[in-house]
Amino acid sequence: MNIDNYRNVKRNLPLNVQLIAVSKTKSVEEIMLLYQEGQRIFGENKAQEMTAKHALLPDDIQWHFIGHLQKNKVKYIAPFVSLIHSIDSYNLLYEVNSAAQKNNRVISCLLQFHIASEDSKFGFQMEECENMLQNESLYKLKNIEIVGVMGMATLTENEEQIRHEFQTLASHFKKLKETYFFSQSSFKVISMGMTDDYHIAIKEGTTMVRIGSAIFGY
């Protein structure tokens, strides 16, 4: 890993955009190099790998879960996870709430939207999400806090398509903010943009980018 890669990415990010260093498959030693540079937010996509790293690394690291989360894996990360980016169903929210309650915590969550043309990606459609937000049972879940949205663009070289998909997510955020979260100041996160497209995401209003390869190397 070349620390200059990290410094260059960090230097070019606007002040209002948080960097999640995607550390999946990376060693504790590599993570510590970034920690010593001041990086405190790391993203993982496997619950047990994240749990193992959490046990070995400093307590002030904020761990973000960014992958598809299976309900039976929530219990591993519930004691310490800072933010779950990938909530894509009411059932998953319910499971996170239950695990958070057992750990006497409130866990912050993002609603993941399916904005890409690829069927392999997960996430809500807008109508499905609104149906959930209009259901009174959601508001009985006191150990989760929905703080924004997340989405992944199509893996393509077509920048206009990527731009349009990010605009779609930003539009979803605006609608949810105005309709369901207008009184909630913590609903402010738009998590979009990865190594190949985060420059576009910045122009389209992201507040949080998830970057791995541009920092750790391919």
N, C-alpha and C. Protein backbone atom coordinates (compact mmCIF):
# COMPACT_ATOMS: atom_id res chain seq x y z
N MET A 1 0.83 -1.20 0.00
CA MET A 1 0.00 0.00 0.00
C MET A 1 0.87 1.25 0.00
N ASN A 2 0.54 2.22 -0.84
CA ASN A 2 1.27 3.47 -0.94
C ASN A 2 0.50 4.55 -0.18
N ILE A 3 1.06 5.04 0.92
CA ILE A 3 0.37 6.04 1.74
C ILE A 3 0.07 7.30 0.93
N ASP A 4 0.88 7.60 -0.08
CA ASP A 4 0.62 8.77 -0.92
C ASP A 4 -0.73 8.68 -1.61
N ASN A 5 -1.16 7.44 -1.93
CA ASN A 5 -2.48 7.28 -2.54
C ASN A 5 -3.56 7.81 -1.61
N TYR A 6 -3.45 7.43 -0.34
CA TYR A 6 -4.42 7.89 0.65
C TYR A 6 -4.37 9.40 0.79
N ARG A 7 -3.18 9.94 0.89
CA ARG A 7 -3.04 11.39 1.08
C ARG A 7 -3.62 12.16 -0.10
N ASN A 8 -3.42 11.64 -1.30
CA ASN A 8 -3.96 12.31 -2.49
C ASN A 8 -5.48 12.29 -2.51
N VAL A 9 -6.07 11.14 -2.17
CA VAL A 9 -7.53 11.05 -2.12
C VAL A 9 -8.07 12.00 -1.07
N LYS A 10 -7.49 11.95 0.12
CA LYS A 10 -7.95 12.78 1.23
C LYS A 10 -7.83 14.26 0.90
N ARG A 11 -6.74 14.64 0.28
CA ARG A 11 -6.47 16.05 -0.05
C ARG A 11 -7.51 16.60 -1.03
N ASN A 12 -8.00 15.75 -1.91
CA ASN A 12 -8.90 16.21 -2.96
C ASN A 12 -10.38 16.09 -2.62
N LEU A 13 -10.69 15.63 -1.41
CA LEU A 13 -12.09 15.54 -1.01
C LEU A 13 -12.56 16.86 -0.42
N PRO A 14 -13.77 17.30 -0.77
CA PRO A 14 -14.33 18.48 -0.11
C PRO A 14 -14.48 18.23 1.39
N LEU A 15 -14.46 19.28 2.17
CA LEU A 15 -14.51 19.16 3.63
C LEU A 15 -15.80 18.51 4.11
N ASN A 16 -16.89 18.66 3.32
CA ASN A 16 -18.18 18.11 3.75
C ASN A 16 -18.39 16.66 3.33
N VAL A 17 -17.36 16.04 2.75
CA VAL A 17 -17.48 14.64 2.30
C VAL A 17 -16.59 13.76 3.16
N GLN A 18 -17.21 12.79 3.85
CA GLN A 18 -16.46 11.85 4.69
C GLN A 18 -15.88 10.72 3.84
N LEU A 19 -14.69 10.30 4.22
CA LEU A 19 -14.03 9.19 3.53
C LEU A 19 -14.16 7.92 4.36
N ILE A 20 -14.79 6.90 3.76
CA ILE A 20 -14.80 5.57 4.35
C ILE A 20 -13.72 4.77 3.62
N ALA A 21 -12.67 4.41 4.33
CA ALA A 21 -11.60 3.60 3.75
C ALA A 21 -12.07 2.14 3.74
N VAL A 22 -12.30 1.60 2.55
CA VAL A 22 -12.82 0.25 2.42
C VAL A 22 -11.69 -0.75 2.62
N SER A 23 -11.72 -1.38 3.78
CA SER A 23 -10.59 -2.21 4.21
C SER A 23 -10.85 -3.70 4.11
N LYS A 24 -11.91 -4.10 3.40
CA LYS A 24 -12.21 -5.53 3.26
C LYS A 24 -11.01 -6.24 2.63
N THR A 25 -10.69 -7.38 3.17
CA THR A 25 -9.56 -8.25 2.77
C THR A 25 -8.20 -7.66 3.13
N LYS A 26 -8.16 -6.46 3.70
CA LYS A 26 -6.87 -5.85 4.04
C LYS A 26 -6.46 -6.26 5.45
N SER A 27 -5.17 -6.24 5.68
CA SER A 27 -4.64 -6.72 6.95
C SER A 27 -4.77 -5.65 8.04
N VAL A 28 -4.66 -6.10 9.28
CA VAL A 28 -4.65 -5.19 10.43
C VAL A 28 -3.48 -4.21 10.28
N GLU A 29 -2.36 -4.67 9.79
CA GLU A 29 -1.18 -3.81 9.63
C GLU A 29 -1.45 -2.69 8.62
N GLU A 30 -2.12 -3.02 7.52
CA GLU A 30 -2.44 -2.00 6.52
C GLU A 30 -3.43 -0.98 7.08
N ILE A 31 -4.41 -1.45 7.83
CA ILE A 31 -5.38 -0.55 8.44
C ILE A 31 -4.67 0.39 9.42
N MET A 32 -3.73 -0.15 10.18
CA MET A 32 -3.01 0.67 11.16
C MET A 32 -2.17 1.76 10.49
N LEU A 33 -1.67 1.50 9.30
CA LEU A 33 -0.93 2.55 8.58
C LEU A 33 -1.83 3.75 8.32
N LEU A 34 -3.07 3.48 7.92
CA LEU A 34 -4.01 4.58 7.68
C LEU A 34 -4.45 5.21 8.99
N TYR A 35 -4.61 4.40 10.02
CA TYR A 35 -4.97 4.92 11.33
C TYR A 35 -3.91 5.93 11.80
N GLN A 36 -2.67 5.60 11.58
CA GLN A 36 -1.59 6.50 11.99
C GLN A 36 -1.56 7.79 11.17
N GLU A 37 -2.22 7.76 10.00
CA GLU A 37 -2.37 8.96 9.18
C GLU A 37 -3.58 9.80 9.62
N GLY A 38 -4.35 9.27 10.57
CA GLY A 38 -5.51 10.00 11.05
C GLY A 38 -6.85 9.45 10.59
N GLN A 39 -6.84 8.41 9.75
CA GLN A 39 -8.11 7.84 9.27
C GLN A 39 -8.79 7.07 10.40
N ARG A 40 -10.07 7.34 10.60
CA ARG A 40 -10.79 6.69 11.69
C ARG A 40 -12.03 5.93 11.24
N ILE A 41 -12.41 6.06 9.97
CA ILE A 41 -13.62 5.37 9.49
C ILE A 41 -13.23 4.32 8.46
N PHE A 42 -13.60 3.06 8.75
CA PHE A 42 -13.26 1.95 7.85
C PHE A 42 -14.52 1.17 7.50
N GLY A 43 -14.58 0.67 6.28
CA GLY A 43 -15.75 -0.06 5.79
C GLY A 43 -15.42 -1.50 5.49
N GLU A 44 -16.28 -2.38 5.94
CA GLU A 44 -16.13 -3.81 5.69
C GLU A 44 -17.44 -4.38 5.14
N ASN A 45 -17.34 -5.51 4.43
CA ASN A 45 -18.55 -6.09 3.84
C ASN A 45 -18.82 -7.52 4.32
N LYS A 46 -18.05 -7.99 5.30
CA LYS A 46 -18.31 -9.30 5.89
C LYS A 46 -18.30 -9.17 7.40
N ALA A 47 -19.39 -9.61 8.03
CA ALA A 47 -19.59 -9.37 9.45
C ALA A 47 -18.49 -9.99 10.31
N GLN A 48 -18.14 -11.23 10.02
CA GLN A 48 -17.16 -11.89 10.89
C GLN A 48 -15.75 -11.34 10.69
N GLU A 49 -15.43 -10.94 9.47
CA GLU A 49 -14.12 -10.31 9.24
C GLU A 49 -14.04 -8.97 9.97
N MET A 50 -15.12 -8.22 9.93
CA MET A 50 -15.14 -6.93 10.62
C MET A 50 -15.03 -7.11 12.13
N THR A 51 -15.72 -8.12 12.66
CA THR A 51 -15.69 -8.40 14.09
C THR A 51 -14.27 -8.77 14.54
N ALA A 52 -13.60 -9.57 13.74
CA ALA A 52 -12.23 -9.99 14.08
C ALA A 52 -11.28 -8.79 14.09
N LYS A 53 -11.42 -7.91 13.11
CA LYS A 53 -10.56 -6.73 13.05
C LYS A 53 -10.86 -5.77 14.20
N HIS A 54 -12.13 -5.61 14.50
CA HIS A 54 -12.53 -4.73 15.60
C HIS A 54 -11.83 -5.13 16.91
N ALA A 55 -11.72 -6.43 17.12
CA ALA A 55 -11.11 -6.93 18.36
C ALA A 55 -9.62 -6.62 18.45
N LEU A 56 -8.98 -6.39 17.30
CA LEU A 56 -7.53 -6.22 17.27
C LEU A 56 -7.06 -4.78 17.09
N LEU A 57 -8.01 -3.88 16.81
CA LEU A 57 -7.64 -2.52 16.44
C LEU A 57 -8.17 -1.51 17.46
N PRO A 58 -7.70 -0.26 17.41
CA PRO A 58 -8.08 0.74 18.42
C PRO A 58 -9.59 0.97 18.53
N ASP A 59 -10.01 1.27 19.74
CA ASP A 59 -11.44 1.41 20.03
C ASP A 59 -12.08 2.63 19.39
N ASP A 60 -11.28 3.63 19.01
CA ASP A 60 -11.90 4.83 18.45
C ASP A 60 -12.14 4.75 16.95
N ILE A 61 -11.88 3.59 16.35
CA ILE A 61 -12.24 3.38 14.94
C ILE A 61 -13.75 3.27 14.83
N GLN A 62 -14.31 3.94 13.82
CA GLN A 62 -15.72 3.80 13.49
C GLN A 62 -15.83 2.77 12.36
N TRP A 63 -16.55 1.68 12.65
CA TRP A 63 -16.70 0.62 11.67
C TRP A 63 -18.03 0.77 10.93
N HIS A 64 -17.95 0.86 9.61
CA HIS A 64 -19.15 0.95 8.77
C HIS A 64 -19.33 -0.37 8.04
N PHE A 65 -20.53 -0.92 8.11
CA PHE A 65 -20.81 -2.14 7.35
C PHE A 65 -21.40 -1.72 6.01
N ILE A 66 -20.74 -2.09 4.90
CA ILE A 66 -21.12 -1.57 3.59
C ILE A 66 -21.60 -2.66 2.63
N GLY A 67 -21.55 -3.92 3.04
CA GLY A 67 -21.96 -5.00 2.15
C GLY A 67 -23.40 -5.44 2.38
N HIS A 68 -23.83 -6.42 1.61
CA HIS A 68 -25.15 -7.00 1.82
C HIS A 68 -25.15 -7.74 3.15
N LEU A 69 -26.07 -7.37 4.03
CA LEU A 69 -26.07 -7.90 5.39
C LEU A 69 -27.16 -8.95 5.56
N GLN A 70 -26.75 -10.16 5.91
CA GLN A 70 -27.71 -11.22 6.18
C GLN A 70 -28.20 -11.10 7.62
N LYS A 71 -29.46 -11.40 7.83
CA LYS A 71 -30.06 -11.21 9.16
C LYS A 71 -29.33 -12.01 10.23
N ASN A 72 -28.86 -13.22 9.89
CA ASN A 72 -28.21 -14.05 10.90
C ASN A 72 -26.79 -13.60 11.24
N LYS A 73 -26.29 -12.56 10.55
CA LYS A 73 -24.95 -12.03 10.83
C LYS A 73 -25.00 -10.72 11.63
N VAL A 74 -26.20 -10.18 11.81
CA VAL A 74 -26.33 -8.89 12.50
C VAL A 74 -25.76 -8.96 13.92
N LYS A 75 -25.96 -10.09 14.58
CA LYS A 75 -25.55 -10.22 15.98
C LYS A 75 -24.05 -10.02 16.17
N TYR A 76 -23.26 -10.33 15.15
CA TYR A 76 -21.81 -10.21 15.28
C TYR A 76 -21.36 -8.74 15.36
N ILE A 77 -22.04 -7.88 14.62
CA ILE A 77 -21.58 -6.49 14.52
C ILE A 77 -22.36 -5.53 15.41
N ALA A 78 -23.49 -5.98 15.93
CA ALA A 78 -24.36 -5.09 16.72
C ALA A 78 -23.68 -4.44 17.92
N PRO A 79 -22.74 -5.10 18.59
CA PRO A 79 -22.13 -4.46 19.77
C PRO A 79 -21.29 -3.23 19.47
N PHE A 80 -20.85 -3.05 18.21
CA PHE A 80 -19.87 -1.98 17.96
C PHE A 80 -20.05 -1.22 16.65
N VAL A 81 -20.82 -1.69 15.71
CA VAL A 81 -20.90 -1.04 14.40
C VAL A 81 -21.39 0.40 14.54
N SER A 82 -20.77 1.31 13.79
CA SER A 82 -21.15 2.73 13.85
C SER A 82 -22.27 3.06 12.87
N LEU A 83 -22.23 2.47 11.68
CA LEU A 83 -23.23 2.75 10.65
C LEU A 83 -23.37 1.56 9.73
N ILE A 84 -24.61 1.16 9.48
CA ILE A 84 -24.91 0.12 8.50
C ILE A 84 -25.44 0.80 7.25
N HIS A 85 -24.73 0.65 6.13
CA HIS A 85 -25.08 1.34 4.89
C HIS A 85 -26.15 0.60 4.10
N SER A 86 -26.39 -0.65 4.39
CA SER A 86 -27.06 -1.53 3.42
C SER A 86 -28.40 -2.09 3.91
N ILE A 87 -29.23 -1.26 4.50
CA ILE A 87 -30.57 -1.71 4.89
C ILE A 87 -31.46 -1.74 3.65
N ASP A 88 -31.95 -2.92 3.31
CA ASP A 88 -32.75 -3.05 2.10
C ASP A 88 -34.10 -3.72 2.32
N SER A 89 -34.52 -3.85 3.61
CA SER A 89 -35.84 -4.43 3.89
C SER A 89 -36.25 -4.09 5.32
N TYR A 90 -37.55 -4.11 5.55
CA TYR A 90 -38.05 -3.91 6.91
C TYR A 90 -37.57 -5.03 7.83
N ASN A 91 -37.56 -6.24 7.31
CA ASN A 91 -37.15 -7.39 8.13
C ASN A 91 -35.72 -7.24 8.65
N LEU A 92 -34.84 -6.68 7.81
CA LEU A 92 -33.46 -6.46 8.24
C LEU A 92 -33.40 -5.36 9.30
N LEU A 93 -34.16 -4.30 9.11
CA LEU A 93 -34.22 -3.24 10.12
C LEU A 93 -34.70 -3.79 11.46
N TYR A 94 -35.71 -4.65 11.39
CA TYR A 94 -36.26 -5.25 12.61
C TYR A 94 -35.18 -6.07 13.33
N GLU A 95 -34.40 -6.82 12.56
CA GLU A 95 -33.34 -7.64 13.14
C GLU A 95 -32.25 -6.77 13.76
N VAL A 96 -31.89 -5.69 13.07
CA VAL A 96 -30.88 -4.78 13.61
C VAL A 96 -31.39 -4.14 14.90
N ASN A 97 -32.64 -3.75 14.91
CA ASN A 97 -33.24 -3.16 16.11
C ASN A 97 -33.19 -4.14 17.29
N SER A 98 -33.53 -5.39 17.03
CA SER A 98 -33.52 -6.41 18.10
C SER A 98 -32.13 -6.61 18.66
N ALA A 99 -31.13 -6.69 17.76
CA ALA A 99 -29.76 -6.89 18.21
C ALA A 99 -29.23 -5.66 18.95
N ALA A 100 -29.60 -4.48 18.48
CA ALA A 100 -29.18 -3.25 19.14
C ALA A 100 -29.77 -3.16 20.54
N GLN A 101 -31.03 -3.57 20.67
CA GLN A 101 -31.70 -3.55 21.98
C GLN A 101 -30.98 -4.46 22.97
N LYS A 102 -30.56 -5.62 22.51
CA LYS A 102 -29.85 -6.56 23.38
C LYS A 102 -28.50 -5.98 23.84
N ASN A 103 -27.94 -5.08 23.04
CA ASN A 103 -26.66 -4.47 23.38
C ASN A 103 -26.81 -3.07 23.96
N ASN A 104 -28.06 -2.70 24.25
CA ASN A 104 -28.35 -1.38 24.84
C ASN A 104 -27.78 -0.25 23.99
N ARG A 105 -28.00 -0.35 22.67
CA ARG A 105 -27.47 0.64 21.73
C ARG A 105 -28.57 1.12 20.79
N VAL A 106 -28.33 2.26 20.17
CA VAL A 106 -29.10 2.71 19.01
C VAL A 106 -28.14 2.69 17.83
N ILE A 107 -28.48 1.93 16.80
CA ILE A 107 -27.59 1.77 15.65
C ILE A 107 -28.07 2.63 14.49
N SER A 108 -27.17 3.43 13.95
CA SER A 108 -27.49 4.27 12.79
C SER A 108 -27.50 3.43 11.51
N CYS A 109 -28.44 3.73 10.63
CA CYS A 109 -28.63 2.93 9.41
C CYS A 109 -28.91 3.83 8.21
N LEU A 110 -28.51 3.36 7.04
CA LEU A 110 -28.85 3.99 5.77
C LEU A 110 -29.78 3.07 5.00
N LEU A 111 -30.72 3.66 4.28
CA LEU A 111 -31.60 2.90 3.40
C LEU A 111 -30.92 2.76 2.05
N GLN A 112 -30.66 1.52 1.64
CA GLN A 112 -30.00 1.29 0.36
C GLN A 112 -31.04 1.25 -0.76
N PHE A 113 -30.80 2.05 -1.82
CA PHE A 113 -31.68 2.06 -2.99
C PHE A 113 -31.01 1.40 -4.18
N HIS A 114 -31.83 0.71 -4.95
CA HIS A 114 -31.34 0.08 -6.18
C HIS A 114 -31.41 1.12 -7.28
N ILE A 115 -30.27 1.71 -7.63
CA ILE A 115 -30.24 2.76 -8.66
C ILE A 115 -29.54 2.30 -9.93
N ALA A 116 -28.88 1.15 -9.89
CA ALA A 116 -28.10 0.67 -11.03
C ALA A 116 -28.96 -0.12 -12.00
N SER A 117 -28.42 -0.33 -13.19
CA SER A 117 -29.12 -1.15 -14.19
C SER A 117 -28.88 -2.63 -13.96
N GLU A 118 -27.94 -2.97 -13.09
CA GLU A 118 -27.58 -4.36 -12.84
C GLU A 118 -28.52 -4.98 -11.81
N ASP A 119 -29.08 -6.13 -12.15
CA ASP A 119 -30.00 -6.81 -11.23
C ASP A 119 -29.27 -7.38 -10.02
N SER A 120 -27.95 -7.55 -10.12
CA SER A 120 -27.20 -8.19 -9.04
C SER A 120 -27.08 -7.31 -7.81
N LYS A 121 -27.32 -6.02 -7.95
CA LYS A 121 -27.20 -5.12 -6.81
C LYS A 121 -28.49 -5.11 -6.00
N PHE A 122 -28.36 -4.84 -4.71
CA PHE A 122 -29.49 -4.87 -3.80
C PHE A 122 -30.04 -3.46 -3.59
N GLY A 123 -31.21 -3.40 -2.94
CA GLY A 123 -31.74 -2.10 -2.55
C GLY A 123 -33.23 -1.96 -2.78
N PHE A 124 -33.80 -0.97 -2.09
CA PHE A 124 -35.21 -0.64 -2.24
C PHE A 124 -35.50 -0.02 -3.59
N GLN A 125 -36.73 -0.21 -4.07
CA GLN A 125 -37.33 0.68 -5.02
C GLN A 125 -38.06 1.75 -4.21
N MET A 126 -38.30 2.92 -4.79
CA MET A 126 -38.86 4.03 -4.02
C MET A 126 -40.24 3.70 -3.45
N GLU A 127 -41.07 3.08 -4.24
CA GLU A 127 -42.43 2.76 -3.78
C GLU A 127 -42.39 1.80 -2.59
N GLU A 128 -41.52 0.82 -2.69
CA GLU A 128 -41.36 -0.16 -1.60
C GLU A 128 -40.88 0.52 -0.32
N CYS A 129 -39.94 1.45 -0.46
CA CYS A 129 -39.42 2.16 0.70
C CYS A 129 -40.49 3.03 1.33
N GLU A 130 -41.26 3.71 0.50
CA GLU A 130 -42.32 4.57 1.04
C GLU A 130 -43.38 3.76 1.77
N ASN A 131 -43.69 2.60 1.25
CA ASN A 131 -44.65 1.73 1.94
C ASN A 131 -44.15 1.40 3.34
N MET A 132 -42.85 1.14 3.46
CA MET A 132 -42.29 0.84 4.77
C MET A 132 -42.35 2.06 5.69
N LEU A 133 -42.01 3.23 5.15
CA LEU A 133 -41.98 4.44 5.96
C LEU A 133 -43.37 4.90 6.39
N GLN A 134 -44.38 4.43 5.69
CA GLN A 134 -45.76 4.78 6.03
C GLN A 134 -46.39 3.79 7.00
N ASN A 135 -45.63 2.75 7.33
CA ASN A 135 -46.14 1.70 8.22
C ASN A 135 -45.80 2.06 9.67
N GLU A 136 -46.81 2.15 10.49
CA GLU A 136 -46.61 2.57 11.89
C GLU A 136 -45.66 1.64 12.66
N SER A 137 -45.59 0.38 12.24
CA SER A 137 -44.74 -0.57 12.98
C SER A 137 -43.27 -0.15 12.94
N LEU A 138 -42.88 0.58 11.88
CA LEU A 138 -41.49 1.01 11.77
C LEU A 138 -41.10 1.90 12.95
N TYR A 139 -42.02 2.72 13.40
CA TYR A 139 -41.70 3.73 14.41
C TYR A 139 -41.74 3.17 15.82
N LYS A 140 -42.00 1.88 15.93
CA LYS A 140 -41.88 1.20 17.21
C LYS A 140 -40.47 0.66 17.43
N LEU A 141 -39.65 0.77 16.39
CA LEU A 141 -38.26 0.31 16.48
C LEU A 141 -37.42 1.44 17.05
N LYS A 142 -37.15 1.40 18.35
CA LYS A 142 -36.52 2.51 19.05
C LYS A 142 -35.00 2.40 19.12
N ASN A 143 -34.45 1.28 18.64
CA ASN A 143 -33.00 1.09 18.75
C ASN A 143 -32.28 1.19 17.41
N ILE A 144 -32.98 1.75 16.42
CA ILE A 144 -32.34 2.08 15.15
C ILE A 144 -32.65 3.53 14.83
N GLU A 145 -31.75 4.16 14.10
CA GLU A 145 -31.99 5.52 13.62
C GLU A 145 -31.62 5.57 12.15
N ILE A 146 -32.58 5.91 11.31
CA ILE A 146 -32.33 6.04 9.87
C ILE A 146 -31.76 7.43 9.62
N VAL A 147 -30.53 7.50 9.09
CA VAL A 147 -29.84 8.79 8.97
C VAL A 147 -29.53 9.18 7.52
N GLY A 148 -30.02 8.40 6.55
CA GLY A 148 -29.78 8.76 5.16
C GLY A 148 -29.95 7.61 4.21
N VAL A 149 -29.32 7.75 3.03
CA VAL A 149 -29.49 6.78 1.95
C VAL A 149 -28.14 6.36 1.39
N MET A 150 -28.14 5.21 0.73
CA MET A 150 -26.94 4.70 0.06
C MET A 150 -27.34 4.10 -1.27
N GLY A 151 -26.43 4.17 -2.24
CA GLY A 151 -26.67 3.52 -3.51
C GLY A 151 -25.37 3.28 -4.25
N MET A 152 -25.39 2.28 -5.14
CA MET A 152 -24.23 1.95 -5.97
C MET A 152 -24.61 2.09 -7.43
N ALA A 153 -23.80 2.84 -8.16
CA ALA A 153 -24.06 3.03 -9.58
C ALA A 153 -23.64 1.79 -10.38
N THR A 154 -24.12 1.74 -11.60
CA THR A 154 -23.75 0.66 -12.52
C THR A 154 -22.24 0.70 -12.79
N LEU A 155 -21.64 -0.47 -12.87
CA LEU A 155 -20.22 -0.57 -13.24
C LEU A 155 -20.11 -0.40 -14.74
N THR A 156 -19.84 0.81 -15.17
CA THR A 156 -19.81 1.14 -16.59
C THR A 156 -18.87 2.31 -16.81
N GLU A 157 -18.40 2.47 -18.05
CA GLU A 157 -17.58 3.63 -18.39
C GLU A 157 -18.44 4.80 -18.86
N ASN A 158 -19.75 4.59 -18.93
CA ASN A 158 -20.69 5.64 -19.36
C ASN A 158 -20.94 6.61 -18.21
N GLU A 159 -20.22 7.73 -18.21
CA GLU A 159 -20.31 8.67 -17.10
C GLU A 159 -21.68 9.31 -16.99
N GLU A 160 -22.35 9.50 -18.12
CA GLU A 160 -23.69 10.09 -18.07
C GLU A 160 -24.68 9.17 -17.35
N GLN A 161 -24.54 7.87 -17.57
CA GLN A 161 -25.40 6.92 -16.87
C GLN A 161 -25.13 6.96 -15.37
N ILE A 162 -23.85 6.97 -15.00
CA ILE A 162 -23.49 7.04 -13.59
C ILE A 162 -24.03 8.32 -12.97
N ARG A 163 -23.86 9.43 -13.68
CA ARG A 163 -24.34 10.72 -13.18
C ARG A 163 -25.86 10.68 -12.95
N HIS A 164 -26.57 10.11 -13.90
CA HIS A 164 -28.03 10.02 -13.79
C HIS A 164 -28.43 9.16 -12.58
N GLU A 165 -27.71 8.06 -12.37
CA GLU A 165 -28.04 7.19 -11.24
C GLU A 165 -27.77 7.88 -9.90
N PHE A 166 -26.69 8.63 -9.83
CA PHE A 166 -26.42 9.39 -8.60
C PHE A 166 -27.46 10.49 -8.40
N GLN A 167 -27.90 11.10 -9.48
CA GLN A 167 -28.94 12.12 -9.39
C GLN A 167 -30.24 11.50 -8.88
N THR A 168 -30.50 10.28 -9.29
CA THR A 168 -31.69 9.56 -8.80
C THR A 168 -31.62 9.37 -7.29
N LEU A 169 -30.45 8.94 -6.79
CA LEU A 169 -30.31 8.74 -5.35
C LEU A 169 -30.46 10.06 -4.59
N ALA A 170 -29.84 11.12 -5.12
CA ALA A 170 -29.96 12.43 -4.47
C ALA A 170 -31.41 12.89 -4.45
N SER A 171 -32.15 12.58 -5.50
CA SER A 171 -33.57 12.92 -5.56
C SER A 171 -34.37 12.13 -4.54
N HIS A 172 -34.05 10.85 -4.39
CA HIS A 172 -34.70 10.02 -3.37
C HIS A 172 -34.45 10.61 -1.97
N PHE A 173 -33.20 10.99 -1.73
CA PHE A 173 -32.88 11.58 -0.42
C PHE A 173 -33.73 12.82 -0.18
N LYS A 174 -33.81 13.69 -1.16
CA LYS A 174 -34.56 14.95 -1.02
C LYS A 174 -36.03 14.67 -0.72
N LYS A 175 -36.61 13.70 -1.43
CA LYS A 175 -38.02 13.38 -1.21
C LYS A 175 -38.25 12.82 0.19
N LEU A 176 -37.38 11.89 0.62
CA LEU A 176 -37.53 11.32 1.96
C LEU A 176 -37.34 12.37 3.04
N LYS A 177 -36.36 13.25 2.83
CA LYS A 177 -36.11 14.31 3.81
C LYS A 177 -37.32 15.22 3.95
N GLU A 178 -37.89 15.60 2.84
CA GLU A 178 -39.02 16.54 2.86
C GLU A 178 -40.32 15.91 3.35
N THR A 179 -40.46 14.60 3.12
CA THR A 179 -41.73 13.95 3.40
C THR A 179 -41.75 13.23 4.74
N TYR A 180 -40.65 12.58 5.10
CA TYR A 180 -40.65 11.69 6.28
C TYR A 180 -39.67 12.11 7.37
N PHE A 181 -38.62 12.84 7.01
CA PHE A 181 -37.56 13.13 8.00
C PHE A 181 -37.30 14.63 8.14
N PHE A 182 -38.29 15.44 7.83
CA PHE A 182 -38.09 16.90 7.82
C PHE A 182 -37.71 17.46 9.19
N SER A 183 -38.11 16.76 10.25
CA SER A 183 -37.79 17.26 11.60
C SER A 183 -36.59 16.55 12.22
N GLN A 184 -35.93 15.70 11.43
CA GLN A 184 -34.82 14.91 11.97
C GLN A 184 -33.51 15.42 11.40
N SER A 185 -32.76 16.17 12.20
CA SER A 185 -31.52 16.79 11.72
C SER A 185 -30.44 15.75 11.38
N SER A 186 -30.55 14.57 11.98
CA SER A 186 -29.54 13.53 11.72
C SER A 186 -29.72 12.85 10.37
N PHE A 187 -30.86 13.07 9.72
CA PHE A 187 -31.08 12.50 8.38
C PHE A 187 -30.37 13.41 7.37
N LYS A 188 -29.12 13.11 7.10
CA LYS A 188 -28.30 14.02 6.28
C LYS A 188 -27.25 13.31 5.43
N VAL A 189 -27.26 11.99 5.43
CA VAL A 189 -26.20 11.24 4.75
C VAL A 189 -26.64 10.77 3.37
N ILE A 190 -25.81 11.04 2.37
CA ILE A 190 -25.96 10.44 1.04
C ILE A 190 -24.65 9.71 0.77
N SER A 191 -24.68 8.39 0.88
CA SER A 191 -23.49 7.57 0.70
C SER A 191 -23.46 7.04 -0.73
N MET A 192 -22.66 7.68 -1.57
CA MET A 192 -22.52 7.22 -2.96
C MET A 192 -21.15 7.63 -3.46
N GLY A 193 -20.59 6.76 -4.30
CA GLY A 193 -19.28 7.01 -4.86
C GLY A 193 -18.25 6.05 -4.34
N MET A 194 -17.58 5.37 -5.28
CA MET A 194 -16.49 4.45 -4.95
C MET A 194 -15.28 4.84 -5.80
N THR A 195 -14.25 4.00 -5.77
CA THR A 195 -12.99 4.36 -6.42
C THR A 195 -13.17 4.86 -7.85
N ASP A 196 -13.97 4.18 -8.66
CA ASP A 196 -14.07 4.51 -10.08
C ASP A 196 -15.02 5.66 -10.39
N ASP A 197 -15.86 6.04 -9.42
CA ASP A 197 -16.87 7.04 -9.77
C ASP A 197 -17.08 8.12 -8.70
N TYR A 198 -16.20 8.17 -7.70
CA TYR A 198 -16.47 9.12 -6.61
C TYR A 198 -16.33 10.57 -7.04
N HIS A 199 -15.55 10.84 -8.09
CA HIS A 199 -15.45 12.21 -8.59
C HIS A 199 -16.81 12.69 -9.11
N ILE A 200 -17.54 11.79 -9.73
CA ILE A 200 -18.89 12.14 -10.22
C ILE A 200 -19.82 12.31 -9.04
N ALA A 201 -19.72 11.40 -8.06
CA ALA A 201 -20.60 11.46 -6.89
C ALA A 201 -20.44 12.78 -6.14
N ILE A 202 -19.21 13.29 -6.06
CA ILE A 202 -18.98 14.56 -5.37
C ILE A 202 -19.76 15.68 -6.06
N LYS A 203 -19.74 15.69 -7.37
CA LYS A 203 -20.47 16.73 -8.11
C LYS A 203 -21.98 16.60 -7.95
N GLU A 204 -22.44 15.38 -7.62
CA GLU A 204 -23.89 15.16 -7.50
C GLU A 204 -24.38 15.17 -6.06
N GLY A 205 -23.50 15.58 -5.13
CA GLY A 205 -23.98 15.84 -3.77
C GLY A 205 -23.72 14.79 -2.72
N THR A 206 -22.82 13.86 -2.97
CA THR A 206 -22.53 12.86 -1.95
C THR A 206 -22.01 13.52 -0.67
N THR A 207 -22.24 12.87 0.45
CA THR A 207 -21.65 13.32 1.72
C THR A 207 -20.68 12.29 2.27
N MET A 208 -20.58 11.13 1.59
CA MET A 208 -19.80 10.02 2.12
C MET A 208 -19.37 9.14 0.94
N VAL A 209 -18.05 8.94 0.76
CA VAL A 209 -17.57 8.09 -0.32
C VAL A 209 -16.88 6.86 0.26
N ARG A 210 -17.01 5.74 -0.43
CA ARG A 210 -16.47 4.45 0.02
C ARG A 210 -15.35 4.04 -0.93
N ILE A 211 -14.12 4.23 -0.49
CA ILE A 211 -12.98 4.08 -1.40
C ILE A 211 -12.01 3.04 -0.86
N GLY A 212 -11.73 2.04 -1.69
CA GLY A 212 -10.79 1.00 -1.32
C GLY A 212 -9.57 0.97 -2.22
N SER A 213 -9.78 0.61 -3.47
CA SER A 213 -8.65 0.39 -4.39
C SER A 213 -7.78 1.62 -4.59
N ALA A 214 -8.38 2.81 -4.65
CA ALA A 214 -7.62 4.03 -4.87
C ALA A 214 -6.71 4.34 -3.69
N ILE A 215 -7.00 3.73 -2.54
CA ILE A 215 -6.17 3.93 -1.35
C ILE A 215 -5.20 2.78 -1.15
N PHE A 216 -5.74 1.55 -1.14
CA PHE A 216 -4.93 0.38 -0.82
C PHE A 216 -4.22 -0.22 -2.02
N GLY A 217 -4.64 0.17 -3.22
CA GLY A 217 -4.08 -0.43 -4.43
C GLY A 217 -4.97 -1.53 -4.96
N TYR A 218 -4.86 -1.81 -6.23
CA TYR A 218 -5.72 -2.82 -6.88
C TYR A 218 -5.16 -4.21 -6.66
